[in-house]
């Protein structure tokens, strides 16, 4: 009887300890979820924080415009103060897996405004239709329309429609690389393009390997559509000059894609500089415009492409 009681007590203690450990584990997981949620909320709040344009450059102005009939087909035009004449224009296309993102996100535009507005650039930040309303190729068509709109109205702001630099990050980098590979999608030419960390230079290769589900949403199942939306498949020697920036920290190795694209161009005698950076995918975008060698390298490419 005593032995049975001892066994029962031992079992109860073990069960209680196991329950307490399980409760502690559940509590730990709950706290971790809370911390993750807090970090995500902090990132969202930072991305959506209103940019103080007057703190960046007193007298600068922002115009909110639409280049199409869909509410998403909108852009912001940031103008330096004073009367402009023949000013260069930087057109920025945000990323976000072809399904999220916004032209006003601080990480996409704030440091670029701080750097290029005081240099006399007009800066334009573009929105476009997102998944599921528009797939990647249709989004590129939106960006083409936005660029056409900028070219048409550039002189009204004191800008030069022949001195436009197109820039995009992540999904936006894919879109601007596609347009630059096939500039007939826009029509009128521009000076050059800065491609910030795209890992989708040849869509068929991306789709043949392991990839996130949103790539299937962006490009669909048809190899013919992959080729149409693929910068490397659409590239010819008549493409716009491109400068490719890539993160060496990403596991999907976008620098391999960038160098493969560079090699394709070099076989036709066309230079396509590649700039690997020891930065995260987000920081490739966010830190551009801050003082340093990275921004200096992009500035040199822009100066060379804008030179008469």
C-alpha atoms as a PDB file:
ATOM      1  CA  UNK A   1       0.000   0.000   0.000  1.00  0.00           C
ATOM      2  CA  UNK A   2       2.842   2.372   0.957  1.00  0.00           C
ATOM      3  CA  UNK A   3       4.660   1.529  -2.265  1.00  0.00           C
ATOM      4  CA  UNK A   4       1.561   2.225  -4.345  1.00  0.00           C
ATOM      5  CA  UNK A   5       1.074   5.572  -2.613  1.00  0.00           C
ATOM      6  CA  UNK A   6       4.706   6.511  -3.242  1.00  0.00           C
ATOM      7  CA  UNK A   7       4.370   5.543  -6.892  1.00  0.00           C
ATOM      8  CA  UNK A   8       1.231   7.655  -7.236  1.00  0.00           C
ATOM      9  CA  UNK A   9       2.877  10.626  -5.566  1.00  0.00           C
ATOM     10  CA  UNK A  10       5.937  10.290  -7.808  1.00  0.00           C
ATOM     11  CA  UNK A  11       3.745  10.086 -10.901  1.00  0.00           C
ATOM     12  CA  UNK A  12       1.815  13.141  -9.767  1.00  0.00           C
ATOM     13  CA  UNK A  13       5.022  15.120  -9.216  1.00  0.00           C
ATOM     14  CA  UNK A  14       6.323  14.077 -12.653  1.00  0.00           C
ATOM     15  CA  UNK A  15       3.007  15.000 -14.280  1.00  0.00           C
ATOM     16  CA  UNK A  16       2.966  18.347 -12.493  1.00  0.00           C
ATOM     17  CA  UNK A  17       6.537  19.060 -13.549  1.00  0.00           C
ATOM     18  CA  UNK A  18       5.727  18.130 -17.141  1.00  0.00           C
ATOM     19  CA  UNK A  19       2.649  20.350 -17.080  1.00  0.00           C
ATOM     20  CA  UNK A  20       4.652  23.219 -15.630  1.00  0.00           C
ATOM     21  CA  UNK A  21       7.346  22.760 -18.292  1.00  0.00           C
ATOM     22  CA  UNK A  22       4.720  22.644 -21.035  1.00  0.00           C
ATOM     23  CA  UNK A  23       3.041  25.759 -19.633  1.00  0.00           C
ATOM     24  CA  UNK A  24       6.424  27.492 -19.486  1.00  0.00           C
ATOM     25  CA  UNK A  25       7.150  26.488 -23.093  1.00  0.00           C
ATOM     26  CA  UNK A  26       3.758  27.779 -24.208  1.00  0.00           C
ATOM     27  CA  UNK A  27       4.378  31.001 -22.318  1.00  0.00           C
ATOM     28  CA  UNK A  28       7.803  31.354 -23.927  1.00  0.00           C
ATOM     29  CA  UNK A  29       6.357  30.821 -27.395  1.00  0.00           C
ATOM     30  CA  UNK A  30       3.683  33.387 -26.627  1.00  0.00           C
ATOM     31  CA  UNK A  31       6.283  35.938 -25.541  1.00  0.00           C
ATOM     32  CA  UNK A  32       8.338  35.256 -28.659  1.00  0.00           C
ATOM     33  CA  UNK A  33       5.259  35.805 -30.831  1.00  0.00           C
ATOM     34  CA  UNK A  34       4.587  39.043 -28.992  1.00  0.00           C
ATOM     35  CA  UNK A  35       8.158  40.244 -29.544  1.00  0.00           C
ATOM     36  CA  UNK A  36       8.021  39.325 -33.233  1.00  0.00           C
ATOM     37  CA  UNK A  37       4.686  41.127 -33.578  1.00  0.00           C
ATOM     38  CA  UNK A  38       6.133  44.175 -31.819  1.00  0.00           C
ATOM     39  CA  UNK A  39       9.157  44.244 -34.151  1.00  0.00           C
ATOM     40  CA  UNK A  40       6.949  43.899 -37.215  1.00  0.00           C
ATOM     41  CA  UNK A  41       4.701  46.676 -35.980  1.00  0.00           C
ATOM     42  CA  UNK A  42       7.733  48.896 -35.334  1.00  0.00           C
ATOM     43  CA  UNK A  43       8.996  48.226 -38.869  1.00  0.00           C
ATOM     44  CA  UNK A  44       5.577  48.976 -40.328  1.00  0.00           C
ATOM     45  CA  UNK A  45       5.301  52.216 -38.336  1.00  0.00           C
ATOM     46  CA  UNK A  46       8.786  53.279 -39.471  1.00  0.00           C
ATOM     47  CA  UNK A  47       8.003  52.498 -43.113  1.00  0.00           C
ATOM     48  CA  UNK A  48       4.776  54.503 -42.940  1.00  0.00           C
ATOM     49  CA  UNK A  49       6.229  57.415 -40.967  1.00  0.00           C
ATOM     50  CA  UNK A  50       5.510  60.691 -42.793  1.00  0.00           C
ATOM     51  CA  UNK A  51       8.649  62.164 -44.336  1.00  0.00           C
ATOM     52  CA  UNK A  52       9.391  65.741 -43.264  1.00  0.00           C
ATOM     53  CA  UNK A  53      10.287  67.221 -46.628  1.00  0.00           C
ATOM     54  CA  UNK A  54      11.102  70.669 -45.213  1.00  0.00           C
ATOM     55  CA  UNK A  55      13.580  69.140 -42.788  1.00  0.00           C
ATOM     56  CA  UNK A  56      15.294  67.507 -45.773  1.00  0.00           C
ATOM     57  CA  UNK A  57      15.385  70.624 -47.947  1.00  0.00           C
ATOM     58  CA  UNK A  58      13.510  73.836 -47.047  1.00  0.00           C
ATOM     59  CA  UNK A  59      11.354  75.014 -49.916  1.00  0.00           C
ATOM     60  CA  UNK A  60      11.096  71.612 -51.585  1.00  0.00           C
ATOM     61  CA  UNK A  61       7.653  70.601 -52.838  1.00  0.00           C
ATOM     62  CA  UNK A  62       5.744  67.371 -53.325  1.00  0.00           C
ATOM     63  CA  UNK A  63       3.147  66.837 -56.048  1.00  0.00           C
ATOM     64  CA  UNK A  64       0.821  63.816 -55.905  1.00  0.00           C
ATOM     65  CA  UNK A  65      -0.183  62.760 -59.408  1.00  0.00           C
ATOM     66  CA  UNK A  66      -1.902  59.927 -61.300  1.00  0.00           C
ATOM     67  CA  UNK A  67      -0.596  58.493 -64.560  1.00  0.00           C
ATOM     68  CA  UNK A  68      -3.513  56.064 -65.089  1.00  0.00           C
ATOM     69  CA  UNK A  69      -7.144  55.457 -64.183  1.00  0.00           C
ATOM     70  CA  UNK A  70      -6.526  52.845 -61.460  1.00  0.00           C
ATOM     71  CA  UNK A  71      -6.008  54.371 -57.982  1.00  0.00           C
ATOM     72  CA  UNK A  72      -2.746  52.416 -57.686  1.00  0.00           C
ATOM     73  CA  UNK A  73      -1.353  54.091 -60.808  1.00  0.00           C
ATOM     74  CA  UNK A  74      -0.012  57.065 -58.899  1.00  0.00           C
ATOM     75  CA  UNK A  75       3.298  58.799 -58.298  1.00  0.00           C
ATOM     76  CA  UNK A  76       4.846  61.458 -56.078  1.00  0.00           C
ATOM     77  CA  UNK A  77       6.986  64.184 -57.632  1.00  0.00           C
ATOM     78  CA  UNK A  78       9.507  65.839 -55.285  1.00  0.00           C
ATOM     79  CA  UNK A  79      10.834  69.167 -56.557  1.00  0.00           C
ATOM     80  CA  UNK A  80      13.865  71.073 -55.262  1.00  0.00           C
ATOM     81  CA  UNK A  81      13.219  74.739 -54.400  1.00  0.00           C
ATOM     82  CA  UNK A  82      13.624  77.532 -56.903  1.00  0.00           C
ATOM     83  CA  UNK A  83      13.077  77.770 -60.629  1.00  0.00           C
ATOM     84  CA  UNK A  84      14.423  74.651 -62.287  1.00  0.00           C
ATOM     85  CA  UNK A  85      15.803  74.330 -65.769  1.00  0.00           C
ATOM     86  CA  UNK A  86      16.983  71.146 -67.461  1.00  0.00           C
ATOM     87  CA  UNK A  87      17.083  69.330 -64.079  1.00  0.00           C
ATOM     88  CA  UNK A  88      17.921  65.604 -64.001  1.00  0.00           C
ATOM     89  CA  UNK A  89      15.197  63.260 -62.777  1.00  0.00           C
ATOM     90  CA  UNK A  90      15.455  60.143 -60.611  1.00  0.00           C
ATOM     91  CA  UNK A  91      12.463  57.789 -60.939  1.00  0.00           C
ATOM     92  CA  UNK A  92      12.225  55.248 -58.084  1.00  0.00           C
ATOM     93  CA  UNK A  93      10.160  52.020 -58.223  1.00  0.00           C
ATOM     94  CA  UNK A  94       9.571  50.342 -54.844  1.00  0.00           C
ATOM     95  CA  UNK A  95       9.753  46.608 -54.163  1.00  0.00           C
ATOM     96  CA  UNK A  96       7.641  44.263 -52.071  1.00  0.00           C
ATOM     97  CA  UNK A  97       7.364  40.822 -53.739  1.00  0.00           C
ATOM     98  CA  UNK A  98       5.090  42.314 -56.433  1.00  0.00           C
ATOM     99  CA  UNK A  99       2.296  42.353 -53.829  1.00  0.00           C
ATOM    100  CA  UNK A 100       3.045  44.988 -51.142  1.00  0.00           C
ATOM    101  CA  UNK A 101       4.930  48.285 -50.792  1.00  0.00           C
ATOM    102  CA  UNK A 102       4.233  51.941 -51.366  1.00  0.00           C
ATOM    103  CA  UNK A 103       5.864  54.927 -53.043  1.00  0.00           C
ATOM    104  CA  UNK A 104       6.020  56.829 -49.727  1.00  0.00           C
ATOM    105  CA  UNK A 105       7.775  54.131 -47.663  1.00  0.00           C
ATOM    106  CA  UNK A 106      10.674  55.727 -45.802  1.00  0.00           C
ATOM    107  CA  UNK A 107      13.107  52.884 -46.514  1.00  0.00           C
ATOM    108  CA  UNK A 108      12.520  53.263 -50.227  1.00  0.00           C
ATOM    109  CA  UNK A 109      12.657  57.023 -50.658  1.00  0.00           C
ATOM    110  CA  UNK A 110      13.835  59.048 -47.623  1.00  0.00           C
ATOM    111  CA  UNK A 111      17.628  58.770 -47.947  1.00  0.00           C
ATOM    112  CA  UNK A 112      17.383  59.187 -51.714  1.00  0.00           C
ATOM    113  CA  UNK A 113      15.537  62.466 -51.185  1.00  0.00           C
ATOM    114  CA  UNK A 114      18.180  63.585 -48.686  1.00  0.00           C
ATOM    115  CA  UNK A 115      20.952  62.861 -51.166  1.00  0.00           C
ATOM    116  CA  UNK A 116      19.591  63.769 -54.593  1.00  0.00           C
ATOM    117  CA  UNK A 117      17.173  66.649 -53.930  1.00  0.00           C
ATOM    118  CA  UNK A 118      19.974  68.958 -52.695  1.00  0.00           C
ATOM    119  CA  UNK A 119      21.945  67.997 -55.827  1.00  0.00           C
ATOM    120  CA  UNK A 120      19.177  69.521 -57.948  1.00  0.00           C
ATOM    121  CA  UNK A 121      17.470  66.289 -58.973  1.00  0.00           C
ATOM    122  CA  UNK A 122      13.715  65.979 -59.318  1.00  0.00           C
ATOM    123  CA  UNK A 123      12.801  62.712 -57.555  1.00  0.00           C
ATOM    124  CA  UNK A 124       9.736  60.710 -58.599  1.00  0.00           C
ATOM    125  CA  UNK A 125       8.439  57.725 -56.604  1.00  0.00           C
ATOM    126  CA  UNK A 126       6.070  55.359 -58.413  1.00  0.00           C
ATOM    127  CA  UNK A 127       3.211  53.105 -57.345  1.00  0.00           C
ATOM    128  CA  UNK A 128       1.778  50.426 -59.616  1.00  0.00           C
ATOM    129  CA  UNK A 129      -0.929  47.766 -59.467  1.00  0.00           C
ATOM    130  CA  UNK A 130       0.024  44.838 -57.240  1.00  0.00           C
ATOM    131  CA  UNK A 131      -0.814  41.146 -57.012  1.00  0.00           C
ATOM    132  CA  UNK A 132      -3.395  39.750 -57.443  1.00  0.00           C
ATOM    133  CA  UNK A 133      -4.763  42.606 -59.560  1.00  0.00           C
ATOM    134  CA  UNK A 134      -1.728  42.651 -61.867  1.00  0.00           C
ATOM    135  CA  UNK A 135       1.032  40.099 -62.486  1.00  0.00           C
ATOM    136  CA  UNK A 136       4.674  41.049 -62.945  1.00  0.00           C
ATOM    137  CA  UNK A 137       4.539  41.793 -66.683  1.00  0.00           C
ATOM    138  CA  UNK A 138       1.459  43.981 -66.232  1.00  0.00           C
ATOM    139  CA  UNK A 139       3.227  45.794 -63.423  1.00  0.00           C
ATOM    140  CA  UNK A 140       6.124  46.485 -65.793  1.00  0.00           C
ATOM    141  CA  UNK A 141       3.606  47.939 -68.221  1.00  0.00           C
ATOM    142  CA  UNK A 142       2.366  50.216 -65.414  1.00  0.00           C
ATOM    143  CA  UNK A 143       5.912  51.414 -64.728  1.00  0.00           C
ATOM    144  CA  UNK A 144       6.378  51.996 -68.466  1.00  0.00           C
ATOM    145  CA  UNK A 145       3.268  54.200 -68.457  1.00  0.00           C
ATOM    146  CA  UNK A 146       4.547  56.058 -65.402  1.00  0.00           C
ATOM    147  CA  UNK A 147       7.876  56.698 -67.132  1.00  0.00           C
ATOM    148  CA  UNK A 148       6.087  57.911 -70.262  1.00  0.00           C
ATOM    149  CA  UNK A 149       4.055  60.278 -68.058  1.00  0.00           C
ATOM    150  CA  UNK A 150       7.225  61.630 -66.427  1.00  0.00           C
ATOM    151  CA  UNK A 151       8.813  62.165 -69.834  1.00  0.00           C
ATOM    152  CA  UNK A 152       5.712  64.046 -71.010  1.00  0.00           C
ATOM    153  CA  UNK A 153       5.542  66.395 -68.006  1.00  0.00           C
ATOM    154  CA  UNK A 154       9.250  66.798 -67.184  1.00  0.00           C
ATOM    155  CA  UNK A 155       9.591  70.195 -68.842  1.00  0.00           C
ATOM    156  CA  UNK A 156       6.590  71.531 -66.881  1.00  0.00           C
ATOM    157  CA  UNK A 157       8.609  71.033 -63.666  1.00  0.00           C
ATOM    158  CA  UNK A 158      11.851  72.358 -65.141  1.00  0.00           C
ATOM    159  CA  UNK A 159      13.182  68.855 -65.736  1.00  0.00           C
ATOM    160  CA  UNK A 160      14.913  67.308 -68.748  1.00  0.00           C
ATOM    161  CA  UNK A 161      13.073  64.315 -70.188  1.00  0.00           C
ATOM    162  CA  UNK A 162      16.310  62.995 -71.717  1.00  0.00           C
ATOM    163  CA  UNK A 163      18.128  63.101 -68.344  1.00  0.00           C
ATOM    164  CA  UNK A 164      16.111  60.466 -66.485  1.00  0.00           C
ATOM    165  CA  UNK A 165      17.632  57.774 -64.272  1.00  0.00           C
ATOM    166  CA  UNK A 166      15.301  54.836 -63.580  1.00  0.00           C
ATOM    167  CA  UNK A 167      15.851  52.955 -60.315  1.00  0.00           C
ATOM    168  CA  UNK A 168      14.100  50.018 -58.637  1.00  0.00           C
ATOM    169  CA  UNK A 169      14.560  47.726 -55.646  1.00  0.00           C
ATOM    170  CA  UNK A 170      13.698  44.016 -55.292  1.00  0.00           C
ATOM    171  CA  UNK A 171      10.505  43.386 -57.294  1.00  0.00           C
ATOM    172  CA  UNK A 172      10.860  46.960 -58.514  1.00  0.00           C
ATOM    173  CA  UNK A 173      14.408  46.097 -59.617  1.00  0.00           C
ATOM    174  CA  UNK A 174      13.027  43.275 -61.750  1.00  0.00           C
ATOM    175  CA  UNK A 175      10.504  45.662 -63.326  1.00  0.00           C
ATOM    176  CA  UNK A 176      13.061  48.338 -64.226  1.00  0.00           C
ATOM    177  CA  UNK A 177      15.523  45.710 -65.504  1.00  0.00           C
ATOM    178  CA  UNK A 178      12.820  44.334 -67.793  1.00  0.00           C
ATOM    179  CA  UNK A 179      11.973  47.785 -69.187  1.00  0.00           C
ATOM    180  CA  UNK A 180      15.653  48.581 -69.636  1.00  0.00           C
ATOM    181  CA  UNK A 181      16.216  45.304 -71.478  1.00  0.00           C
ATOM    182  CA  UNK A 182      13.292  46.093 -73.761  1.00  0.00           C
ATOM    183  CA  UNK A 183      13.012  49.910 -73.890  1.00  0.00           C
ATOM    184  CA  UNK A 184      10.432  49.675 -76.676  1.00  0.00           C
ATOM    185  CA  UNK A 185       7.928  49.003 -73.862  1.00  0.00           C
ATOM    186  CA  UNK A 186       8.381  52.694 -73.005  1.00  0.00           C
ATOM    187  CA  UNK A 187       9.155  54.153 -76.418  1.00  0.00           C
ATOM    188  CA  UNK A 188      11.220  57.236 -75.704  1.00  0.00           C
ATOM    189  CA  UNK A 189      14.667  56.455 -74.299  1.00  0.00           C
ATOM    190  CA  UNK A 190      16.098  57.547 -70.966  1.00  0.00           C
ATOM    191  CA  UNK A 191      19.675  57.890 -69.676  1.00  0.00           C
ATOM    192  CA  UNK A 192      20.181  54.706 -67.651  1.00  0.00           C
ATOM    193  CA  UNK A 193      18.959  52.405 -64.895  1.00  0.00           C
ATOM    194  CA  UNK A 194      20.113  51.380 -61.407  1.00  0.00           C
ATOM    195  CA  UNK A 195      18.929  47.866 -60.475  1.00  0.00           C
ATOM    196  CA  UNK A 196      18.931  47.318 -56.697  1.00  0.00           C
ATOM    197  CA  UNK A 197      19.146  43.639 -55.722  1.00  0.00           C
ATOM    198  CA  UNK A 198      16.928  41.620 -58.016  1.00  0.00           C
ATOM    199  CA  UNK A 199      17.338  37.829 -58.067  1.00  0.00           C
ATOM    200  CA  UNK A 200      15.034  37.407 -61.073  1.00  0.00           C
ATOM    201  CA  UNK A 201      17.138  38.214 -64.102  1.00  0.00           C
ATOM    202  CA  UNK A 202      16.232  35.007 -65.950  1.00  0.00           C
ATOM    203  CA  UNK A 203      12.741  34.010 -64.865  1.00  0.00           C
ATOM    204  CA  UNK A 204      12.884  30.442 -66.200  1.00  0.00           C
ATOM    205  CA  UNK A 205      15.945  29.689 -64.028  1.00  0.00           C
ATOM    206  CA  UNK A 206      14.240  31.149 -60.973  1.00  0.00           C
ATOM    207  CA  UNK A 207      11.070  29.151 -61.557  1.00  0.00           C
ATOM    208  CA  UNK A 208      13.002  25.918 -62.178  1.00  0.00           C
ATOM    209  CA  UNK A 209      14.600  26.070 -58.727  1.00  0.00           C
ATOM    210  CA  UNK A 210      13.181  26.321 -55.226  1.00  0.00           C
ATOM    211  CA  UNK A 211      11.386  29.613 -54.876  1.00  0.00           C
ATOM    212  CA  UNK A 212       8.767  31.327 -52.686  1.00  0.00           C
ATOM    213  CA  UNK A 213       5.124  30.865 -53.623  1.00  0.00           C
ATOM    214  CA  UNK A 214       4.698  34.514 -54.544  1.00  0.00           C
ATOM    215  CA  UNK A 215       6.930  33.943 -57.590  1.00  0.00           C
ATOM    216  CA  UNK A 216       4.225  31.626 -58.948  1.00  0.00           C
ATOM    217  CA  UNK A 217       1.671  34.367 -58.346  1.00  0.00           C
ATOM    218  CA  UNK A 218       3.860  36.946 -60.100  1.00  0.00           C
ATOM    219  CA  UNK A 219       4.882  34.895 -63.149  1.00  0.00           C
ATOM    220  CA  UNK A 220       2.294  32.111 -63.523  1.00  0.00           C
ATOM    221  CA  UNK A 221       2.899  28.587 -64.932  1.00  0.00           C
ATOM    222  CA  UNK A 222       3.522  29.357 -68.633  1.00  0.00           C
ATOM    223  CA  UNK A 223       7.195  29.313 -69.796  1.00  0.00           C
ATOM    224  CA  UNK A 224       6.272  31.644 -72.676  1.00  0.00           C
ATOM    225  CA  UNK A 225       5.069  34.206 -70.140  1.00  0.00           C
ATOM    226  CA  UNK A 226       8.259  33.678 -68.113  1.00  0.00           C
ATOM    227  CA  UNK A 227      10.346  34.601 -71.166  1.00  0.00           C
ATOM    228  CA  UNK A 228       8.238  37.700 -71.817  1.00  0.00           C
ATOM    229  CA  UNK A 229       8.803  38.900 -68.241  1.00  0.00           C
ATOM    230  CA  UNK A 230      12.492  37.915 -68.110  1.00  0.00           C
ATOM    231  CA  UNK A 231      15.107  40.708 -68.368  1.00  0.00           C
ATOM    232  CA  UNK A 232      17.835  38.394 -69.695  1.00  0.00           C
ATOM    233  CA  UNK A 233      15.520  36.844 -72.305  1.00  0.00           C
ATOM    234  CA  UNK A 234      14.394  40.273 -73.512  1.00  0.00           C
ATOM    235  CA  UNK A 235      17.831  41.913 -73.477  1.00  0.00           C
ATOM    236  CA  UNK A 236      19.483  43.067 -76.705  1.00  0.00           C
ATOM    237  CA  UNK A 237      22.526  45.305 -77.270  1.00  0.00           C
ATOM    238  CA  UNK A 238      20.122  48.221 -77.786  1.00  0.00           C
ATOM    239  CA  UNK A 239      19.052  47.999 -74.127  1.00  0.00           C
ATOM    240  CA  UNK A 240      19.423  50.940 -71.766  1.00  0.00           C
ATOM    241  CA  UNK A 241      22.665  51.097 -69.735  1.00  0.00           C
ATOM    242  CA  UNK A 242      22.249  49.258 -66.419  1.00  0.00           C
ATOM    243  CA  UNK A 243      24.169  49.270 -63.125  1.00  0.00           C
ATOM    244  CA  UNK A 244      23.451  46.168 -61.026  1.00  0.00           C
ATOM    245  CA  UNK A 245      23.757  46.252 -57.227  1.00  0.00           C
ATOM    246  CA  UNK A 246      23.492  42.932 -55.370  1.00  0.00           C
ATOM    247  CA  UNK A 247      23.568  41.719 -51.761  1.00  0.00           C
ATOM    248  CA  UNK A 248      26.234  39.176 -50.831  1.00  0.00           C
ATOM    249  CA  UNK A 249      24.224  38.206 -47.732  1.00  0.00           C
ATOM    250  CA  UNK A 250      21.153  36.731 -49.440  1.00  0.00           C
ATOM    251  CA  UNK A 251      20.942  32.928 -49.530  1.00  0.00           C
ATOM    252  CA  UNK A 252      19.483  32.974 -53.065  1.00  0.00           C
ATOM    253  CA  UNK A 253      22.709  34.633 -54.313  1.00  0.00           C
ATOM    254  CA  UNK A 254      21.459  37.544 -56.435  1.00  0.00           C
ATOM    255  CA  UNK A 255      25.077  38.385 -57.322  1.00  0.00           C
ATOM    256  CA  UNK A 256      25.198  35.146 -59.351  1.00  0.00           C
ATOM    257  CA  UNK A 257      22.206  36.391 -61.359  1.00  0.00           C
ATOM    258  CA  UNK A 258      23.792  39.823 -61.753  1.00  0.00           C
ATOM    259  CA  UNK A 259      27.088  38.373 -63.010  1.00  0.00           C
ATOM    260  CA  UNK A 260      25.269  36.062 -65.436  1.00  0.00           C
ATOM    261  CA  UNK A 261      23.462  39.101 -66.843  1.00  0.00           C
ATOM    262  CA  UNK A 262      26.746  41.011 -67.002  1.00  0.00           C
ATOM    263  CA  UNK A 263      28.363  38.128 -68.927  1.00  0.00           C
ATOM    264  CA  UNK A 264      25.470  38.110 -71.415  1.00  0.00           C
ATOM    265  CA  UNK A 265      25.991  41.823 -72.072  1.00  0.00           C
ATOM    266  CA  UNK A 266      29.776  41.493 -72.287  1.00  0.00           C
ATOM    267  CA  UNK A 267      29.477  38.824 -75.001  1.00  0.00           C
ATOM    268  CA  UNK A 268      27.892  41.562 -77.126  1.00  0.00           C
ATOM    269  CA  UNK A 269      30.525  44.105 -76.140  1.00  0.00           C
ATOM    270  CA  UNK A 270      28.214  46.013 -73.775  1.00  0.00           C
ATOM    271  CA  UNK A 271      29.384  47.050 -70.314  1.00  0.00           C
ATOM    272  CA  UNK A 272      27.068  46.257 -67.411  1.00  0.00           C
ATOM    273  CA  UNK A 273      28.738  47.093 -64.076  1.00  0.00           C
ATOM    274  CA  UNK A 274      27.956  44.881 -61.065  1.00  0.00           C
ATOM    275  CA  UNK A 275      28.426  46.177 -57.506  1.00  0.00           C
ATOM    276  CA  UNK A 276      28.279  43.469 -54.784  1.00  0.00           C
ATOM    277  CA  UNK A 277      27.530  44.901 -51.344  1.00  0.00           C
ATOM    278  CA  UNK A 278      27.904  43.325 -47.897  1.00  0.00           C
ATOM    279  CA  UNK A 279      24.436  44.543 -46.961  1.00  0.00           C
ATOM    280  CA  UNK A 280      21.058  42.920 -46.340  1.00  0.00           C
ATOM    281  CA  UNK A 281      18.424  43.023 -49.054  1.00  0.00           C
ATOM    282  CA  UNK A 282      16.574  45.796 -47.186  1.00  0.00           C
ATOM    283  CA  UNK A 283      19.736  47.824 -46.539  1.00  0.00           C
ATOM    284  CA  UNK A 284      20.693  47.763 -50.232  1.00  0.00           C
ATOM    285  CA  UNK A 285      17.655  50.025 -50.623  1.00  0.00           C
ATOM    286  CA  UNK A 286      17.494  51.853 -47.305  1.00  0.00           C
ATOM    287  CA  UNK A 287      21.130  52.964 -47.101  1.00  0.00           C
ATOM    288  CA  UNK A 288      21.462  54.225 -50.670  1.00  0.00           C
ATOM    289  CA  UNK A 289      21.868  57.977 -50.348  1.00  0.00           C
ATOM    290  CA  UNK A 290      23.819  57.840 -47.101  1.00  0.00           C
ATOM    291  CA  UNK A 291      27.428  59.100 -47.339  1.00  0.00           C
ATOM    292  CA  UNK A 292      29.874  56.362 -48.284  1.00  0.00           C
ATOM    293  CA  UNK A 293      31.469  54.305 -51.041  1.00  0.00           C
ATOM    294  CA  UNK A 294      28.179  52.636 -52.041  1.00  0.00           C
ATOM    295  CA  UNK A 295      26.363  55.901 -52.775  1.00  0.00           C
ATOM    296  CA  UNK A 296      29.529  57.287 -54.406  1.00  0.00           C
ATOM    297  CA  UNK A 297      29.626  54.342 -56.835  1.00  0.00           C
ATOM    298  CA  UNK A 298      25.991  54.857 -57.828  1.00  0.00           C
ATOM    299  CA  UNK A 299      26.656  58.586 -58.227  1.00  0.00           C
ATOM    300  CA  UNK A 300      29.530  57.866 -60.603  1.00  0.00           C
ATOM    301  CA  UNK A 301      27.330  55.678 -62.799  1.00  0.00           C
ATOM    302  CA  UNK A 302      24.627  58.350 -62.844  1.00  0.00           C
ATOM    303  CA  UNK A 303      27.121  61.081 -63.715  1.00  0.00           C
ATOM    304  CA  UNK A 304      28.554  58.993 -66.563  1.00  0.00           C
ATOM    305  CA  UNK A 305      25.152  58.173 -68.049  1.00  0.00           C
ATOM    306  CA  UNK A 306      23.950  61.789 -67.792  1.00  0.00           C
ATOM    307  CA  UNK A 307      27.098  63.150 -69.438  1.00  0.00           C
ATOM    308  CA  UNK A 308      26.275  64.621 -72.895  1.00  0.00           C
END
